[in-house]
Amino acid sequence: MQKDFSKLEEKLGVSFRDKALLTQAFVHRSYLNEHPSFPFGHNERLEFLGDAVLELVVTEYLYNHYPNPEGELTNWRAALVNAKMLSDIASGLDLGEYLYLSHGEAKDSRGKARQYILANAIEALIGAMYLDLGTEPTREFILQNVLSRLPYVLEHRLQVDPKSRFQECAQELAGVTPTYRVLEEKGPDHAKDFTIGVYLGDELVATGIGTSKQEAQIAAAQRGLEAKGW
């Protein structure tokens, strides 16, 4: 079933000439498995293009507006264009309402898979904008919706990875260096899930789950920051 994108265009302040291109930006591969006769392809090529356009616009803006060293600018850019940030921006624009998903993907409304689908959708939208509307409207969209998050990133030190932030806060505010312990391992060797706890002394502050110990530690640290209000 075709969706009505007019409200989205109104919200974004743009009008696509090629409505098919706009529609394609929201077609997940899983939808085509269930609807092989759907007239549009999936959004992965648009996502590929949009990812490059997004990175270029963000890089150019940071280079032109901040004299900071390359390493700092790289961290700022990474915090602005990672999957979590992009999925948050996509959610704020209600892009999820326009996705074409399989029944299984549509039911899974939470979790990392949904996060990546939303992040990919906003990149595909940027790719479609670039092709249909050109450079300036696309740059304006990125300025308004992505680069506008930079003050928030810097205020909350999101450019620093969660483990480093949690350690800094723990040492400064609690006088303790956090430790991490594996609480559970599940699954075969080639597809393990790790549950790791982050501790301040004997206090279990939070747990995190990941497909590697490093990923689980980062998830635990992020939850630890939230639990402590840091």
C-alpha atoms as a PDB file:
ATOM      1  CA  MET A   1       0.000   0.000   0.000  1.00  0.00           C
ATOM      2  CA  GLN A   2       1.345   3.419  -0.959  1.00  0.00           C
ATOM      3  CA  LYS A   3       1.842   5.886   1.891  1.00  0.00           C
ATOM      4  CA  ASP A   4       1.075   9.590   1.872  1.00  0.00           C
ATOM      5  CA  PHE A   5       4.283  11.557   2.356  1.00  0.00           C
ATOM      6  CA  SER A   6       2.699  15.009   2.094  1.00  0.00           C
ATOM      7  CA  LYS A   7       2.728  15.592   5.870  1.00  0.00           C
ATOM      8  CA  LEU A   8       6.374  14.594   6.052  1.00  0.00           C
ATOM      9  CA  GLU A   9       7.282  16.948   3.209  1.00  0.00           C
ATOM     10  CA  GLU A  10       5.400  19.716   5.008  1.00  0.00           C
ATOM     11  CA  LYS A  11       7.272  18.988   8.239  1.00  0.00           C
ATOM     12  CA  LEU A  12      10.606  18.974   6.419  1.00  0.00           C
ATOM     13  CA  GLY A  13       9.750  22.092   4.438  1.00  0.00           C
ATOM     14  CA  VAL A  14      10.526  20.428   1.104  1.00  0.00           C
ATOM     15  CA  SER A  15       8.613  19.164  -1.906  1.00  0.00           C
ATOM     16  CA  PHE A  16      10.057  16.254  -3.854  1.00  0.00           C
ATOM     17  CA  ARG A  17       9.724  16.317  -7.615  1.00  0.00           C
ATOM     18  CA  ASP A  18      10.276  12.567  -7.814  1.00  0.00           C
ATOM     19  CA  LYS A  19       7.881  11.056  -5.269  1.00  0.00           C
ATOM     20  CA  ALA A  20       9.108   7.569  -6.157  1.00  0.00           C
ATOM     21  CA  LEU A  21      12.568   8.489  -4.890  1.00  0.00           C
ATOM     22  CA  LEU A  22      11.086   9.692  -1.599  1.00  0.00           C
ATOM     23  CA  THR A  23       9.100   6.473  -1.234  1.00  0.00           C
ATOM     24  CA  GLN A  24      12.131   4.315  -1.964  1.00  0.00           C
ATOM     25  CA  ALA A  25      14.053   5.967   0.872  1.00  0.00           C
ATOM     26  CA  PHE A  26      11.719   4.239   3.313  1.00  0.00           C
ATOM     27  CA  VAL A  27      11.618   0.741   1.798  1.00  0.00           C
ATOM     28  CA  HIS A  28      13.418  -1.801   3.965  1.00  0.00           C
ATOM     29  CA  ARG A  29      14.748  -4.914   2.257  1.00  0.00           C
ATOM     30  CA  SER A  30      12.491  -7.118   4.427  1.00  0.00           C
ATOM     31  CA  TYR A  31       9.345  -5.536   2.947  1.00  0.00           C
ATOM     32  CA  LEU A  32      10.266  -6.663  -0.552  1.00  0.00           C
ATOM     33  CA  ASN A  33      10.630 -10.246   0.635  1.00  0.00           C
ATOM     34  CA  GLU A  34       6.922 -10.187   1.489  1.00  0.00           C
ATOM     35  CA  HIS A  35       5.862  -7.915  -1.392  1.00  0.00           C
ATOM     36  CA  PRO A  36       8.014  -8.857  -4.394  1.00  0.00           C
ATOM     37  CA  SER A  37       5.724  -6.981  -6.796  1.00  0.00           C
ATOM     38  CA  PHE A  38       6.172  -3.650  -4.961  1.00  0.00           C
ATOM     39  CA  PRO A  39       7.133  -1.127  -7.651  1.00  0.00           C
ATOM     40  CA  PHE A  40      10.149   0.348  -5.832  1.00  0.00           C
ATOM     41  CA  GLY A  41      13.466  -1.092  -4.726  1.00  0.00           C
ATOM     42  CA  HIS A  42      14.885  -1.061  -1.206  1.00  0.00           C
ATOM     43  CA  ASN A  43      16.695   1.940   0.231  1.00  0.00           C
ATOM     44  CA  GLU A  44      20.243   0.592   0.616  1.00  0.00           C
ATOM     45  CA  ARG A  45      21.799   2.405  -2.361  1.00  0.00           C
ATOM     46  CA  LEU A  46      20.194   5.670  -1.230  1.00  0.00           C
ATOM     47  CA  GLU A  47      21.529   5.018   2.260  1.00  0.00           C
ATOM     48  CA  PHE A  48      25.023   4.508   0.804  1.00  0.00           C
ATOM     49  CA  LEU A  49      24.819   7.882  -0.949  1.00  0.00           C
ATOM     50  CA  GLY A  50      23.221   9.679   1.992  1.00  0.00           C
ATOM     51  CA  ASP A  51      25.886   8.444   4.397  1.00  0.00           C
ATOM     52  CA  ALA A  52      28.579  10.043   2.225  1.00  0.00           C
ATOM     53  CA  VAL A  53      26.655  13.314   1.802  1.00  0.00           C
ATOM     54  CA  LEU A  54      25.973  13.525   5.540  1.00  0.00           C
ATOM     55  CA  GLU A  55      29.604  12.950   6.443  1.00  0.00           C
ATOM     56  CA  LEU A  56      30.807  15.529   3.909  1.00  0.00           C
ATOM     57  CA  VAL A  57      28.392  18.255   5.067  1.00  0.00           C
ATOM     58  CA  VAL A  58      29.167  17.645   8.747  1.00  0.00           C
ATOM     59  CA  THR A  59      32.913  17.534   8.082  1.00  0.00           C
ATOM     60  CA  GLU A  60      32.842  20.732   6.020  1.00  0.00           C
ATOM     61  CA  TYR A  61      30.811  22.558   8.681  1.00  0.00           C
ATOM     62  CA  LEU A  62      33.101  21.519  11.534  1.00  0.00           C
ATOM     63  CA  TYR A  63      36.209  22.389   9.519  1.00  0.00           C
ATOM     64  CA  ASN A  64      34.896  25.844   8.615  1.00  0.00           C
ATOM     65  CA  HIS A  65      33.541  26.771  12.055  1.00  0.00           C
ATOM     66  CA  TYR A  66      35.961  25.260  14.576  1.00  0.00           C
ATOM     67  CA  PRO A  67      39.782  25.503  14.724  1.00  0.00           C
ATOM     68  CA  ASN A  68      40.033  22.418  16.957  1.00  0.00           C
ATOM     69  CA  PRO A  69      42.536  19.621  16.214  1.00  0.00           C
ATOM     70  CA  GLU A  70      41.622  16.882  13.758  1.00  0.00           C
ATOM     71  CA  GLY A  71      41.181  14.277  16.497  1.00  0.00           C
ATOM     72  CA  GLU A  72      38.583  16.350  18.353  1.00  0.00           C
ATOM     73  CA  LEU A  73      36.647  17.133  15.191  1.00  0.00           C
ATOM     74  CA  THR A  74      36.644  13.441  14.294  1.00  0.00           C
ATOM     75  CA  ASN A  75      35.118  12.584  17.678  1.00  0.00           C
ATOM     76  CA  TRP A  76      32.506  15.346  17.324  1.00  0.00           C
ATOM     77  CA  ARG A  77      31.533  14.070  13.878  1.00  0.00           C
ATOM     78  CA  ALA A  78      31.298  10.488  15.132  1.00  0.00           C
ATOM     79  CA  ALA A  79      28.963  11.584  17.944  1.00  0.00           C
ATOM     80  CA  LEU A  80      26.727  13.410  15.458  1.00  0.00           C
ATOM     81  CA  VAL A  81      26.405  10.687  12.820  1.00  0.00           C
ATOM     82  CA  ASN A  82      26.354   7.462  14.848  1.00  0.00           C
ATOM     83  CA  ALA A  83      23.338   5.156  14.713  1.00  0.00           C
ATOM     84  CA  LYS A  84      21.951   6.184  18.097  1.00  0.00           C
ATOM     85  CA  MET A  85      22.000   9.901  17.301  1.00  0.00           C
ATOM     86  CA  LEU A  86      20.555   9.414  13.817  1.00  0.00           C
ATOM     87  CA  SER A  87      17.807   7.117  15.098  1.00  0.00           C
ATOM     88  CA  ASP A  88      16.905   9.700  17.754  1.00  0.00           C
ATOM     89  CA  ILE A  89      16.672  12.387  15.064  1.00  0.00           C
ATOM     90  CA  ALA A  90      14.606  10.064  12.852  1.00  0.00           C
ATOM     91  CA  SER A  91      12.245   9.336  15.752  1.00  0.00           C
ATOM     92  CA  GLY A  92      11.834  13.061  16.395  1.00  0.00           C
ATOM     93  CA  LEU A  93      10.779  13.484  12.767  1.00  0.00           C
ATOM     94  CA  ASP A  94       8.390  10.499  13.036  1.00  0.00           C
ATOM     95  CA  LEU A  95      10.155   8.770  10.163  1.00  0.00           C
ATOM     96  CA  GLY A  96       9.155   5.405  11.605  1.00  0.00           C
ATOM     97  CA  GLU A  97       5.563   6.039  10.499  1.00  0.00           C
ATOM     98  CA  TYR A  98       6.642   5.977   6.846  1.00  0.00           C
ATOM     99  CA  LEU A  99       8.783   2.847   6.841  1.00  0.00           C
ATOM    100  CA  TYR A 100       7.872  -0.110   4.655  1.00  0.00           C
ATOM    101  CA  LEU A 101       8.784  -3.105   6.832  1.00  0.00           C
ATOM    102  CA  SER A 102       8.022  -6.804   6.917  1.00  0.00           C
ATOM    103  CA  HIS A 103       5.535  -7.939   9.566  1.00  0.00           C
ATOM    104  CA  GLY A 104       8.390  -9.283  11.679  1.00  0.00           C
ATOM    105  CA  GLU A 105      10.435  -6.073  11.529  1.00  0.00           C
ATOM    106  CA  ALA A 106       7.342  -3.952  12.180  1.00  0.00           C
ATOM    107  CA  LYS A 107       6.581  -5.881  15.372  1.00  0.00           C
ATOM    108  CA  ASP A 108      10.127  -5.417  16.675  1.00  0.00           C
ATOM    109  CA  SER A 109       9.653  -1.761  17.588  1.00  0.00           C
ATOM    110  CA  ARG A 110      12.564  -1.656  20.044  1.00  0.00           C
ATOM    111  CA  GLY A 111      16.180  -2.652  20.244  1.00  0.00           C
ATOM    112  CA  LYS A 112      19.321  -2.204  18.217  1.00  0.00           C
ATOM    113  CA  ALA A 113      17.820  -3.551  14.980  1.00  0.00           C
ATOM    114  CA  ARG A 114      15.116  -0.865  15.025  1.00  0.00           C
ATOM    115  CA  GLN A 115      17.750   1.755  15.819  1.00  0.00           C
ATOM    116  CA  TYR A 116      19.752   0.820  12.740  1.00  0.00           C
ATOM    117  CA  ILE A 117      16.666   0.746  10.518  1.00  0.00           C
ATOM    118  CA  LEU A 118      15.772   4.303  11.554  1.00  0.00           C
ATOM    119  CA  ALA A 119      19.357   5.522  11.197  1.00  0.00           C
ATOM    120  CA  ASN A 120      19.573   3.978   7.735  1.00  0.00           C
ATOM    121  CA  ALA A 121      16.241   5.544   6.772  1.00  0.00           C
ATOM    122  CA  ILE A 122      17.399   9.069   7.569  1.00  0.00           C
ATOM    123  CA  GLU A 123      20.590   8.473   5.582  1.00  0.00           C
ATOM    124  CA  ALA A 124      18.501   7.182   2.670  1.00  0.00           C
ATOM    125  CA  LEU A 125      16.262  10.258   2.961  1.00  0.00           C
ATOM    126  CA  ILE A 126      19.354  12.468   2.768  1.00  0.00           C
ATOM    127  CA  GLY A 127      20.475  10.552  -0.333  1.00  0.00           C
ATOM    128  CA  ALA A 128      17.060  11.004  -1.943  1.00  0.00           C
ATOM    129  CA  MET A 129      17.052  14.716  -1.089  1.00  0.00           C
ATOM    130  CA  TYR A 130      20.472  15.160  -2.607  1.00  0.00           C
ATOM    131  CA  LEU A 131      19.434  13.493  -5.876  1.00  0.00           C
ATOM    132  CA  ASP A 132      16.063  15.203  -6.151  1.00  0.00           C
ATOM    133  CA  LEU A 133      16.528  18.623  -4.565  1.00  0.00           C
ATOM    134  CA  GLY A 134      20.257  19.264  -4.838  1.00  0.00           C
ATOM    135  CA  THR A 135      23.020  20.304  -2.477  1.00  0.00           C
ATOM    136  CA  GLU A 136      21.639  23.376  -0.695  1.00  0.00           C
ATOM    137  CA  PRO A 137      18.279  21.993   0.548  1.00  0.00           C
ATOM    138  CA  THR A 138      20.105  18.857   1.686  1.00  0.00           C
ATOM    139  CA  ARG A 139      22.750  20.894   3.504  1.00  0.00           C
ATOM    140  CA  GLU A 140      20.011  22.952   5.167  1.00  0.00           C
ATOM    141  CA  PHE A 141      18.250  19.788   6.334  1.00  0.00           C
ATOM    142  CA  ILE A 142      21.493  18.479   7.866  1.00  0.00           C
ATOM    143  CA  LEU A 143      22.220  21.829   9.524  1.00  0.00           C
ATOM    144  CA  GLN A 144      18.768  22.011  11.079  1.00  0.00           C
ATOM    145  CA  ASN A 145      18.424  18.409  12.164  1.00  0.00           C
ATOM    146  CA  VAL A 146      21.911  17.023  12.739  1.00  0.00           C
ATOM    147  CA  LEU A 147      24.403  19.826  13.311  1.00  0.00           C
ATOM    148  CA  SER A 148      21.907  21.562  15.592  1.00  0.00           C
ATOM    149  CA  ARG A 149      22.674  18.717  18.047  1.00  0.00           C
ATOM    150  CA  LEU A 150      26.325  19.744  18.428  1.00  0.00           C
ATOM    151  CA  PRO A 151      25.806  21.947  21.530  1.00  0.00           C
ATOM    152  CA  TYR A 152      23.997  19.035  23.208  1.00  0.00           C
ATOM    153  CA  VAL A 153      26.806  16.653  22.247  1.00  0.00           C
ATOM    154  CA  LEU A 154      29.450  18.932  23.738  1.00  0.00           C
ATOM    155  CA  GLU A 155      27.437  19.789  26.862  1.00  0.00           C
ATOM    156  CA  HIS A 156      26.897  16.109  27.683  1.00  0.00           C
ATOM    157  CA  ARG A 157      30.340  15.030  26.439  1.00  0.00           C
ATOM    158  CA  LEU A 158      28.828  12.539  24.023  1.00  0.00           C
ATOM    159  CA  GLN A 159      31.960  12.806  21.909  1.00  0.00           C
ATOM    160  CA  VAL A 160      33.706  10.854  24.668  1.00  0.00           C
ATOM    161  CA  ASP A 161      32.894   7.138  24.722  1.00  0.00           C
ATOM    162  CA  PRO A 162      30.669   5.979  27.632  1.00  0.00           C
ATOM    163  CA  LYS A 163      33.413   3.945  29.353  1.00  0.00           C
ATOM    164  CA  SER A 164      35.724   6.954  29.500  1.00  0.00           C
ATOM    165  CA  ARG A 165      32.918   9.233  30.691  1.00  0.00           C
ATOM    166  CA  PHE A 166      31.815   6.787  33.386  1.00  0.00           C
ATOM    167  CA  GLN A 167      35.380   6.401  34.632  1.00  0.00           C
ATOM    168  CA  GLU A 168      35.937  10.170  34.719  1.00  0.00           C
ATOM    169  CA  CYS A 169      32.684  10.736  36.640  1.00  0.00           C
ATOM    170  CA  ALA A 170      33.271   7.823  39.016  1.00  0.00           C
ATOM    171  CA  GLN A 171      36.747   9.009  39.920  1.00  0.00           C
ATOM    172  CA  GLU A 172      35.691  12.636  40.253  1.00  0.00           C
ATOM    173  CA  LEU A 173      32.349  12.199  42.029  1.00  0.00           C
ATOM    174  CA  ALA A 174      32.722   8.893  43.870  1.00  0.00           C
ATOM    175  CA  GLY A 175      36.482   8.619  44.261  1.00  0.00           C
ATOM    176  CA  VAL A 176      36.388   5.091  42.821  1.00  0.00           C
ATOM    177  CA  THR A 177      37.657   3.534  39.595  1.00  0.00           C
ATOM    178  CA  PRO A 178      34.931   1.326  38.079  1.00  0.00           C
ATOM    179  CA  THR A 179      35.472  -2.335  37.352  1.00  0.00           C
ATOM    180  CA  TYR A 180      33.678  -4.657  34.926  1.00  0.00           C
ATOM    181  CA  ARG A 181      32.745  -8.285  35.506  1.00  0.00           C
ATOM    182  CA  VAL A 182      31.257 -10.860  33.146  1.00  0.00           C
ATOM    183  CA  LEU A 183      27.970 -11.996  34.703  1.00  0.00           C
ATOM    184  CA  GLU A 184      26.750 -14.326  31.975  1.00  0.00           C
ATOM    185  CA  GLU A 185      27.746 -15.795  28.615  1.00  0.00           C
ATOM    186  CA  LYS A 186      25.145 -17.296  26.278  1.00  0.00           C
ATOM    187  CA  GLY A 187      25.244 -18.925  22.897  1.00  0.00           C
ATOM    188  CA  PRO A 188      27.814 -20.805  20.807  1.00  0.00           C
ATOM    189  CA  ASP A 189      31.374 -19.524  20.431  1.00  0.00           C
ATOM    190  CA  HIS A 190      30.676 -17.903  17.059  1.00  0.00           C
ATOM    191  CA  ALA A 191      27.565 -16.021  18.315  1.00  0.00           C
ATOM    192  CA  LYS A 192      27.942 -15.304  22.006  1.00  0.00           C
ATOM    193  CA  ASP A 193      26.011 -12.748  24.021  1.00  0.00           C
ATOM    194  CA  PHE A 194      27.788 -11.306  27.046  1.00  0.00           C
ATOM    195  CA  THR A 195      26.159  -9.723  30.090  1.00  0.00           C
ATOM    196  CA  ILE A 196      28.612  -7.526  31.950  1.00  0.00           C
ATOM    197  CA  GLY A 197      28.155  -5.546  35.154  1.00  0.00           C
ATOM    198  CA  VAL A 198      29.883  -2.297  35.989  1.00  0.00           C
ATOM    199  CA  TYR A 199      30.788  -1.917  39.655  1.00  0.00           C
ATOM    200  CA  LEU A 200      31.857   0.862  41.970  1.00  0.00           C
ATOM    201  CA  GLY A 201      33.566  -1.127  44.668  1.00  0.00           C
ATOM    202  CA  ASP A 202      31.053  -3.842  45.587  1.00  0.00           C
ATOM    203  CA  GLU A 203      28.075  -1.886  44.208  1.00  0.00           C
ATOM    204  CA  LEU A 204      26.610  -3.209  40.969  1.00  0.00           C
ATOM    205  CA  VAL A 205      25.613   0.020  39.219  1.00  0.00           C
ATOM    206  CA  ALA A 206      24.285  -1.330  35.913  1.00  0.00           C
ATOM    207  CA  THR A 207      24.520  -4.185  33.430  1.00  0.00           C
ATOM    208  CA  GLY A 208      24.963  -4.236  29.670  1.00  0.00           C
ATOM    209  CA  ILE A 209      24.563  -6.855  26.970  1.00  0.00           C
ATOM    210  CA  GLY A 210      26.585  -7.157  23.779  1.00  0.00           C
ATOM    211  CA  THR A 211      27.945  -9.584  21.227  1.00  0.00           C
ATOM    212  CA  SER A 212      31.464  -8.840  22.506  1.00  0.00           C
ATOM    213  CA  LYS A 213      32.818  -8.006  25.950  1.00  0.00           C
ATOM    214  CA  GLN A 214      33.768  -4.536  24.754  1.00  0.00           C
ATOM    215  CA  GLU A 215      30.272  -3.864  23.424  1.00  0.00           C
ATOM    216  CA  ALA A 216      28.705  -5.113  26.659  1.00  0.00           C
ATOM    217  CA  GLN A 217      31.047  -2.943  28.746  1.00  0.00           C
ATOM    218  CA  ILE A 218      30.110   0.148  26.723  1.00  0.00           C
ATOM    219  CA  ALA A 219      26.408  -0.659  27.166  1.00  0.00           C
ATOM    220  CA  ALA A 220      26.918  -1.140  30.925  1.00  0.00           C
ATOM    221  CA  ALA A 221      28.794   2.149  31.185  1.00  0.00           C
ATOM    222  CA  GLN A 222      26.047   3.998  29.307  1.00  0.00           C
ATOM    223  CA  ARG A 223      23.417   2.570  31.632  1.00  0.00           C
ATOM    224  CA  GLY A 224      25.643   3.387  34.576  1.00  0.00           C
ATOM    225  CA  LEU A 225      25.773   7.038  33.527  1.00  0.00           C
ATOM    226  CA  GLU A 226      21.993   7.078  33.323  1.00  0.00           C
ATOM    227  CA  ALA A 227      21.540   5.267  36.648  1.00  0.00           C
ATOM    228  CA  LYS A 228      23.821   7.719  38.452  1.00  0.00           C
ATOM    229  CA  GLY A 229      22.478  10.764  36.631  1.00  0.00           C
ATOM    230  CA  TRP A 230      25.959  11.566  35.346  1.00  0.00           C
END
